[in-house]
Amino acid sequence: MCPMNRRVLIVDDEPDVLELVDFKLKGQGYEVIRATNGLEALSRARCDGPEVIVLDLLLPDLDGLSVCEILRAQPSTRDVPVVIFSVLDRPITGTRGARIRVFQWVKKGADLDTLCERVRAALDEHKERVHRRLSPKEDSTPGEEDQRA
């Protein structure tokens, strides 16, 4: 179980999928936010501050790849890990794949425990990255800047 403040945004236009993934993640202790299309996902990502996004690629308005590109272009969401959860089973490669920086790819129909494991791994990796960014550099000594010759 994880602390309840670990917030996950689920983006899918299929109500049954949303309900199932929501139930599974809440059972693991996550706080879940839902979006049913790309525009709502972008709004929720900016306003609700999820720590990870579970994203379907086949959405009715903006496709998931476009959502990822927009997320990566915005300072408030550029570092949020994205786990693709889609019927499409091939990760995107090339220039577009590099731009969207997907953390994990889970094919719909996989065991939901696998999805939960990928969400947990994305959260752990993101937490570690933030910790490294906020930690003081080990090679500088406190007060070193003040010692001028």
Protein backbone atom coordinates (compact mmCIF):
# COMPACT_ATOMS: atom_id res chain seq x y z
CA MET A 1 0.00 0.00 0.00
CA CYS A 2 1.12 3.54 -0.66
CA PRO A 3 0.21 6.79 1.08
CA MET A 4 -3.18 8.17 0.07
CA ASN A 5 -1.64 11.38 -1.27
CA ARG A 6 -0.15 9.64 -4.33
CA ARG A 7 -2.42 11.11 -7.01
CA VAL A 8 -2.98 9.31 -10.34
CA LEU A 9 -4.85 10.71 -13.34
CA ILE A 10 -6.58 8.07 -15.48
CA VAL A 11 -7.51 9.13 -19.02
CA ASP A 12 -9.82 6.84 -20.99
CA ASP A 13 -13.05 7.32 -22.92
CA GLU A 14 -14.39 3.88 -22.01
CA PRO A 15 -16.44 4.11 -18.78
CA ASP A 16 -15.88 0.43 -17.92
CA VAL A 17 -12.11 0.80 -18.20
CA LEU A 18 -12.16 3.97 -16.10
CA GLU A 19 -14.23 2.27 -13.43
CA LEU A 20 -12.06 -0.86 -13.32
CA VAL A 21 -8.71 0.98 -13.21
CA ASP A 22 -10.09 3.49 -10.68
CA PHE A 23 -11.25 0.62 -8.43
CA LYS A 24 -7.91 -1.20 -8.69
CA LEU A 25 -5.77 1.88 -8.00
CA LYS A 26 -7.96 3.06 -5.11
CA GLY A 27 -7.64 -0.45 -3.67
CA GLN A 28 -3.86 0.07 -3.73
CA GLY A 29 -4.26 3.34 -1.79
CA TYR A 30 -3.96 5.86 -4.61
CA GLU A 31 -6.04 9.00 -4.97
CA VAL A 32 -7.60 8.80 -8.43
CA ILE A 33 -8.62 11.60 -10.79
CA ARG A 34 -10.50 10.76 -14.00
CA ALA A 35 -10.68 12.31 -17.46
CA THR A 36 -12.64 10.99 -20.44
CA ASN A 37 -10.91 12.90 -23.26
CA GLY A 38 -7.68 14.68 -24.13
CA LEU A 39 -8.77 18.23 -23.38
CA GLU A 40 -10.13 17.25 -19.98
CA ALA A 41 -6.89 15.35 -19.31
CA LEU A 42 -4.80 18.46 -20.03
CA SER A 43 -6.97 20.57 -17.75
CA ARG A 44 -6.90 17.99 -14.94
CA ALA A 45 -3.14 17.56 -15.28
CA ARG A 46 -2.59 21.31 -14.87
CA CYS A 47 -5.17 21.91 -12.12
CA ASP A 48 -5.05 18.71 -10.03
CA GLY A 49 -1.32 17.99 -10.03
CA PRO A 50 -1.20 14.22 -10.56
CA GLU A 51 2.07 12.46 -9.82
CA VAL A 52 1.54 10.01 -12.68
CA ILE A 53 -0.84 9.81 -15.66
CA VAL A 54 -2.33 6.58 -17.04
CA LEU A 55 -3.23 7.50 -20.63
CA ASP A 56 -5.16 5.78 -23.40
CA LEU A 57 -3.99 6.67 -26.91
CA LEU A 58 -7.35 6.39 -28.67
CA LEU A 59 -9.38 9.32 -27.36
CA PRO A 60 -12.33 11.06 -29.05
CA ASP A 61 -10.87 14.58 -29.34
CA LEU A 62 -7.07 14.64 -29.05
CA ASP A 63 -5.16 11.40 -29.44
CA GLY A 64 -2.97 10.35 -26.52
CA LEU A 65 0.26 11.16 -28.37
CA SER A 66 -0.87 14.76 -28.87
CA VAL A 67 -1.82 14.92 -25.19
CA CYS A 68 1.69 13.72 -24.28
CA GLU A 69 3.32 16.30 -26.55
CA ILE A 70 1.30 19.10 -24.95
CA LEU A 71 2.06 17.80 -21.43
CA ARG A 72 5.80 17.78 -22.24
CA ALA A 73 5.64 21.35 -23.58
CA GLN A 74 4.13 22.79 -20.38
CA PRO A 75 6.40 23.52 -17.40
CA SER A 76 3.79 22.39 -14.85
CA THR A 77 3.38 18.93 -16.43
CA ARG A 78 6.59 18.23 -18.35
CA ASP A 79 8.05 15.92 -15.70
CA VAL A 80 4.90 13.95 -14.80
CA PRO A 81 5.46 10.31 -15.77
CA VAL A 82 3.01 8.87 -18.30
CA VAL A 83 2.04 5.21 -18.44
CA ILE A 84 0.33 4.39 -21.74
CA PHE A 85 -2.59 1.97 -21.31
CA SER A 86 -3.83 1.17 -24.79
CA VAL A 87 -5.03 -1.56 -27.13
CA LEU A 88 -2.12 -0.54 -29.35
CA ASP A 89 0.82 -2.69 -28.38
CA ARG A 90 3.76 -1.02 -30.09
CA PRO A 91 5.66 1.78 -28.36
CA ILE A 92 6.16 4.87 -30.49
CA THR A 93 9.71 5.22 -31.75
CA GLY A 94 11.61 7.89 -33.64
CA THR A 95 11.38 11.63 -33.12
CA ARG A 96 7.80 11.65 -31.86
CA GLY A 97 8.53 8.84 -29.42
CA ALA A 98 11.50 10.79 -28.03
CA ARG A 99 9.36 13.92 -27.61
CA ILE A 100 6.58 12.22 -25.64
CA ARG A 101 8.93 10.40 -23.21
CA VAL A 102 6.54 7.65 -22.09
CA PHE A 103 7.62 5.94 -18.86
CA GLN A 104 5.91 2.60 -19.49
CA TRP A 105 3.60 0.96 -21.98
CA VAL A 106 0.91 -1.50 -20.85
CA LYS A 107 -1.40 -3.20 -23.33
CA LYS A 108 -5.07 -3.18 -22.37
CA GLY A 109 -6.13 -6.67 -21.45
CA ALA A 110 -3.00 -7.18 -19.35
CA ASP A 111 -3.43 -8.08 -15.72
CA LEU A 112 -4.31 -4.91 -13.78
CA ASP A 113 -1.65 -5.85 -11.23
CA THR A 114 0.88 -5.20 -14.01
CA LEU A 115 -0.59 -1.73 -14.55
CA CYS A 116 -0.40 -1.04 -10.79
CA GLU A 117 3.24 -2.18 -10.73
CA ARG A 118 4.07 0.19 -13.60
CA VAL A 119 2.27 3.07 -11.87
CA ARG A 120 4.20 2.36 -8.65
CA ALA A 121 7.50 2.19 -10.57
CA ALA A 122 6.70 5.50 -12.32
CA LEU A 123 5.95 7.15 -8.99
CA ASP A 124 9.12 5.78 -7.39
CA GLU A 125 11.28 6.87 -10.33
CA HIS A 126 9.67 10.33 -10.37
CA LYS A 127 10.16 10.72 -6.62
CA GLU A 128 13.84 9.76 -6.95
CA ARG A 129 14.34 12.21 -9.83
CA VAL A 130 12.77 15.05 -7.83
CA HIS A 131 14.86 14.11 -4.78
CA ARG A 132 18.09 14.21 -6.86
CA ARG A 133 17.10 17.57 -8.32
CA LEU A 134 16.39 19.08 -4.89
CA SER A 135 19.39 17.58 -3.07
CA PRO A 136 22.44 19.80 -2.68
CA LYS A 137 25.39 18.91 -4.86
CA GLU A 138 27.81 16.60 -3.06
CA ASP A 139 30.92 18.12 -4.64
CA SER A 140 30.39 21.64 -3.24
CA THR A 141 31.34 22.50 0.32
CA PRO A 142 29.05 24.87 2.28
CA GLY A 143 30.45 28.37 2.24
CA GLU A 144 32.86 27.55 -0.59
CA GLU A 145 31.58 30.47 -2.67
CA ASP A 146 32.46 32.90 0.14
CA GLN A 147 36.15 31.89 0.22
CA ARG A 148 37.60 34.26 -2.35
CA ALA A 149 41.34 34.80 -2.74
